[in-house]
Amino acid sequence: CAQLEKLDGFTKARRKNWRILYDGLKDMEDIFVLPEATPNSEPSWFGFMLTVRKSCRFSREQIVRHLERNKIQTRMLFAGNYTRQPAFDRMRESGRGFRIAGSLENTDHIMTDSFWLGVYPGMTEDMLEFMIEKIREFVRKYE
């Protein structure tokens, strides 16, 4: 309950941190799919999700490795194409079916090429600028 008293400050800081990352990377939309809020929403962002575009000459694994080597923690997307989960294999084998509409290629792309950066309320602008610079440093090697 004590944490609820801090909620407004946490939410404000997460939004600010998200905005710094967005503004610092928005000119790289040809390289990454950047997150955006849905119309008429004001999210309290969990994190900043980047998706490496299919046209890039590097992979998610390569940029994540670079960031982690530079002490920038990342997290993999914890969702994706659920039909690739083992539970669905068991459903197929047991004859209990499910319907798939389309190729799910976008779902696969998000699952295999997306990762999260943090927007923790305790992060400073210097920390966020360091993250932006390390991303830019990595991308420059592939231009």
C-alpha atoms as a PDB file:
ATOM      1  CA  CYS A   1       0.000   0.000   0.000  1.00  0.00           C
ATOM      2  CA  ALA A   2       2.879   2.350   0.682  1.00  0.00           C
ATOM      3  CA  GLN A   3       3.999   2.015  -2.931  1.00  0.00           C
ATOM      4  CA  LEU A   4       0.585   3.265  -4.114  1.00  0.00           C
ATOM      5  CA  GLU A   5       1.407   6.637  -2.581  1.00  0.00           C
ATOM      6  CA  LYS A   6       4.335   6.824  -5.041  1.00  0.00           C
ATOM      7  CA  LEU A   7       2.330   5.713  -8.070  1.00  0.00           C
ATOM      8  CA  ASP A   8       1.799   9.146  -9.623  1.00  0.00           C
ATOM      9  CA  GLY A   9       5.523   9.927  -9.394  1.00  0.00           C
ATOM     10  CA  PHE A  10       6.475   6.514 -10.818  1.00  0.00           C
ATOM     11  CA  THR A  11       4.043   6.924 -13.700  1.00  0.00           C
ATOM     12  CA  LYS A  12       5.287  10.428 -14.482  1.00  0.00           C
ATOM     13  CA  ALA A  13       8.927   9.257 -14.428  1.00  0.00           C
ATOM     14  CA  ARG A  14       8.217   6.241 -16.664  1.00  0.00           C
ATOM     15  CA  ARG A  15       6.471   8.473 -19.202  1.00  0.00           C
ATOM     16  CA  LYS A  16       9.353  10.949 -19.121  1.00  0.00           C
ATOM     17  CA  ASN A  17      11.956   8.186 -19.540  1.00  0.00           C
ATOM     18  CA  TRP A  18       9.974   6.634 -22.385  1.00  0.00           C
ATOM     19  CA  ARG A  19       9.742  10.029 -24.103  1.00  0.00           C
ATOM     20  CA  ILE A  20      13.521  10.592 -23.826  1.00  0.00           C
ATOM     21  CA  LEU A  21      14.171   7.227 -25.489  1.00  0.00           C
ATOM     22  CA  TYR A  22      11.551   7.862 -28.150  1.00  0.00           C
ATOM     23  CA  ASP A  23      12.835  11.338 -28.972  1.00  0.00           C
ATOM     24  CA  GLY A  24      16.417  10.058 -29.012  1.00  0.00           C
ATOM     25  CA  LEU A  25      15.646   7.215 -31.421  1.00  0.00           C
ATOM     26  CA  LYS A  26      12.791   8.537 -33.568  1.00  0.00           C
ATOM     27  CA  ASP A  27      15.090   9.326 -36.471  1.00  0.00           C
ATOM     28  CA  MET A  28      15.941   5.592 -36.605  1.00  0.00           C
ATOM     29  CA  GLU A  29      12.488   4.408 -37.657  1.00  0.00           C
ATOM     30  CA  ASP A  30      13.993   2.957 -40.811  1.00  0.00           C
ATOM     31  CA  ILE A  31      15.950   0.579 -38.538  1.00  0.00           C
ATOM     32  CA  PHE A  32      13.527  -0.039 -35.663  1.00  0.00           C
ATOM     33  CA  VAL A  33       9.791  -0.211 -35.252  1.00  0.00           C
ATOM     34  CA  LEU A  34       9.277   2.204 -32.366  1.00  0.00           C
ATOM     35  CA  PRO A  35       6.474   1.835 -29.852  1.00  0.00           C
ATOM     36  CA  GLU A  36       3.595   4.243 -29.869  1.00  0.00           C
ATOM     37  CA  ALA A  37       0.543   4.734 -27.719  1.00  0.00           C
ATOM     38  CA  THR A  38      -2.857   3.878 -29.095  1.00  0.00           C
ATOM     39  CA  PRO A  39      -5.091   6.882 -29.831  1.00  0.00           C
ATOM     40  CA  ASN A  40      -6.688   8.527 -26.783  1.00  0.00           C
ATOM     41  CA  SER A  41      -4.452   6.654 -24.332  1.00  0.00           C
ATOM     42  CA  GLU A  42      -1.832   7.788 -21.864  1.00  0.00           C
ATOM     43  CA  PRO A  43       0.093   4.642 -20.877  1.00  0.00           C
ATOM     44  CA  SER A  44       2.287   4.139 -17.881  1.00  0.00           C
ATOM     45  CA  TRP A  45       4.922   2.368 -19.938  1.00  0.00           C
ATOM     46  CA  PHE A  46       6.332  -0.964 -18.739  1.00  0.00           C
ATOM     47  CA  GLY A  47       9.335  -0.449 -20.967  1.00  0.00           C
ATOM     48  CA  PHE A  48      10.466   0.690 -24.372  1.00  0.00           C
ATOM     49  CA  MET A  49      10.084  -2.041 -26.965  1.00  0.00           C
ATOM     50  CA  LEU A  50      12.237  -1.981 -30.076  1.00  0.00           C
ATOM     51  CA  THR A  51      11.676  -4.247 -33.049  1.00  0.00           C
ATOM     52  CA  VAL A  52      14.552  -4.671 -35.487  1.00  0.00           C
ATOM     53  CA  ARG A  53      13.182  -4.212 -38.988  1.00  0.00           C
ATOM     54  CA  LYS A  54      13.521  -7.120 -41.409  1.00  0.00           C
ATOM     55  CA  SER A  55      15.601  -4.973 -43.758  1.00  0.00           C
ATOM     56  CA  CYS A  56      18.407  -4.482 -41.210  1.00  0.00           C
ATOM     57  CA  ARG A  57      21.830  -6.005 -41.639  1.00  0.00           C
ATOM     58  CA  PHE A  58      21.978  -7.017 -37.980  1.00  0.00           C
ATOM     59  CA  SER A  59      19.843  -9.180 -35.733  1.00  0.00           C
ATOM     60  CA  ARG A  60      18.155  -8.663 -32.419  1.00  0.00           C
ATOM     61  CA  GLU A  61      20.714 -10.979 -30.856  1.00  0.00           C
ATOM     62  CA  GLN A  62      23.603  -8.844 -32.108  1.00  0.00           C
ATOM     63  CA  ILE A  63      22.276  -5.541 -30.786  1.00  0.00           C
ATOM     64  CA  VAL A  64      21.171  -7.087 -27.495  1.00  0.00           C
ATOM     65  CA  ARG A  65      24.651  -8.588 -27.047  1.00  0.00           C
ATOM     66  CA  HIS A  66      26.175  -5.135 -27.682  1.00  0.00           C
ATOM     67  CA  LEU A  67      23.875  -3.473 -25.175  1.00  0.00           C
ATOM     68  CA  GLU A  68      24.404  -6.137 -22.503  1.00  0.00           C
ATOM     69  CA  ARG A  69      28.205  -5.893 -22.959  1.00  0.00           C
ATOM     70  CA  ASN A  70      27.799  -2.192 -22.238  1.00  0.00           C
ATOM     71  CA  LYS A  71      25.878  -2.876 -19.011  1.00  0.00           C
ATOM     72  CA  ILE A  72      22.475  -2.047 -20.514  1.00  0.00           C
ATOM     73  CA  GLN A  73      19.987  -4.690 -19.505  1.00  0.00           C
ATOM     74  CA  THR A  74      17.378  -5.832 -21.970  1.00  0.00           C
ATOM     75  CA  ARG A  75      14.487  -8.260 -21.819  1.00  0.00           C
ATOM     76  CA  MET A  76      13.054 -10.412 -24.536  1.00  0.00           C
ATOM     77  CA  LEU A  77       9.429 -10.087 -25.490  1.00  0.00           C
ATOM     78  CA  PHE A  78       7.470 -12.470 -23.283  1.00  0.00           C
ATOM     79  CA  ALA A  79       4.644 -13.095 -25.699  1.00  0.00           C
ATOM     80  CA  GLY A  80       4.592 -13.533 -29.425  1.00  0.00           C
ATOM     81  CA  ASN A  81       3.164 -16.248 -31.575  1.00  0.00           C
ATOM     82  CA  TYR A  82       1.439 -18.442 -29.020  1.00  0.00           C
ATOM     83  CA  THR A  83       0.839 -21.141 -31.607  1.00  0.00           C
ATOM     84  CA  ARG A  84       4.591 -21.846 -31.415  1.00  0.00           C
ATOM     85  CA  GLN A  85       4.332 -22.742 -27.714  1.00  0.00           C
ATOM     86  CA  PRO A  86       4.592 -26.425 -26.705  1.00  0.00           C
ATOM     87  CA  ALA A  87       1.036 -26.429 -25.346  1.00  0.00           C
ATOM     88  CA  PHE A  88      -0.236 -25.878 -28.873  1.00  0.00           C
ATOM     89  CA  ASP A  89       1.852 -28.823 -30.110  1.00  0.00           C
ATOM     90  CA  ARG A  90       0.020 -30.995 -27.589  1.00  0.00           C
ATOM     91  CA  MET A  91      -3.317 -29.581 -28.747  1.00  0.00           C
ATOM     92  CA  ARG A  92      -2.478 -30.430 -32.366  1.00  0.00           C
ATOM     93  CA  GLU A  93      -1.355 -33.956 -31.387  1.00  0.00           C
ATOM     94  CA  SER A  94      -4.483 -34.613 -29.329  1.00  0.00           C
ATOM     95  CA  GLY A  95      -6.802 -33.538 -32.132  1.00  0.00           C
ATOM     96  CA  ARG A  96      -8.128 -30.546 -30.180  1.00  0.00           C
ATOM     97  CA  GLY A  97      -7.690 -27.959 -32.828  1.00  0.00           C
ATOM     98  CA  PHE A  98      -7.564 -24.266 -33.037  1.00  0.00           C
ATOM     99  CA  ARG A  99      -7.933 -21.921 -35.949  1.00  0.00           C
ATOM    100  CA  ILE A 100      -5.157 -19.751 -37.359  1.00  0.00           C
ATOM    101  CA  ALA A 101      -6.111 -16.855 -39.616  1.00  0.00           C
ATOM    102  CA  GLY A 102      -3.344 -15.928 -42.016  1.00  0.00           C
ATOM    103  CA  SER A 103       0.374 -16.604 -41.990  1.00  0.00           C
ATOM    104  CA  LEU A 104       1.144 -14.916 -38.642  1.00  0.00           C
ATOM    105  CA  GLU A 105       4.318 -13.534 -40.206  1.00  0.00           C
ATOM    106  CA  ASN A 106       4.015 -10.236 -38.293  1.00  0.00           C
ATOM    107  CA  THR A 107       3.526 -12.104 -35.039  1.00  0.00           C
ATOM    108  CA  ASP A 108       6.623 -14.182 -35.774  1.00  0.00           C
ATOM    109  CA  HIS A 109       8.580 -11.031 -36.644  1.00  0.00           C
ATOM    110  CA  ILE A 110       7.665  -9.363 -33.370  1.00  0.00           C
ATOM    111  CA  MET A 111       8.435 -12.552 -31.427  1.00  0.00           C
ATOM    112  CA  THR A 112      11.887 -13.043 -32.958  1.00  0.00           C
ATOM    113  CA  ASP A 113      13.053  -9.447 -33.503  1.00  0.00           C
ATOM    114  CA  SER A 114      11.752  -7.428 -30.528  1.00  0.00           C
ATOM    115  CA  PHE A 115      13.294  -6.605 -27.171  1.00  0.00           C
ATOM    116  CA  TRP A 116      12.647  -4.302 -24.241  1.00  0.00           C
ATOM    117  CA  LEU A 117      14.695  -1.479 -22.779  1.00  0.00           C
ATOM    118  CA  GLY A 118      13.832  -0.310 -19.299  1.00  0.00           C
ATOM    119  CA  VAL A 119      12.140   2.929 -18.308  1.00  0.00           C
ATOM    120  CA  TYR A 120      12.523   2.364 -14.554  1.00  0.00           C
ATOM    121  CA  PRO A 121      11.578   5.525 -12.632  1.00  0.00           C
ATOM    122  CA  GLY A 122      15.004   5.718 -10.965  1.00  0.00           C
ATOM    123  CA  MET A 123      16.857   6.120 -14.265  1.00  0.00           C
ATOM    124  CA  THR A 124      18.533   9.448 -14.900  1.00  0.00           C
ATOM    125  CA  GLU A 125      18.663  11.374 -18.152  1.00  0.00           C
ATOM    126  CA  ASP A 126      22.389  10.587 -18.322  1.00  0.00           C
ATOM    127  CA  MET A 127      21.603   6.861 -18.155  1.00  0.00           C
ATOM    128  CA  LEU A 128      19.013   7.168 -20.907  1.00  0.00           C
ATOM    129  CA  GLU A 129      21.351   9.227 -23.097  1.00  0.00           C
ATOM    130  CA  PHE A 130      24.014   6.536 -22.600  1.00  0.00           C
ATOM    131  CA  MET A 131      21.530   3.916 -23.823  1.00  0.00           C
ATOM    132  CA  ILE A 132      20.696   6.012 -26.885  1.00  0.00           C
ATOM    133  CA  GLU A 133      24.379   6.561 -27.678  1.00  0.00           C
ATOM    134  CA  LYS A 134      25.203   2.847 -27.383  1.00  0.00           C
ATOM    135  CA  ILE A 135      22.353   2.001 -29.751  1.00  0.00           C
ATOM    136  CA  ARG A 136      23.591   4.602 -32.225  1.00  0.00           C
ATOM    137  CA  GLU A 137      27.181   3.358 -31.843  1.00  0.00           C
ATOM    138  CA  PHE A 138      26.075  -0.152 -32.748  1.00  0.00           C
ATOM    139  CA  VAL A 139      23.914   0.898 -35.709  1.00  0.00           C
ATOM    140  CA  ARG A 140      26.712   3.030 -37.199  1.00  0.00           C
ATOM    141  CA  LYS A 141      28.762  -0.143 -37.699  1.00  0.00           C
ATOM    142  CA  TYR A 142      26.069  -1.434 -40.103  1.00  0.00           C
ATOM    143  CA  GLU A 143      25.409   1.710 -42.140  1.00  0.00           C
END
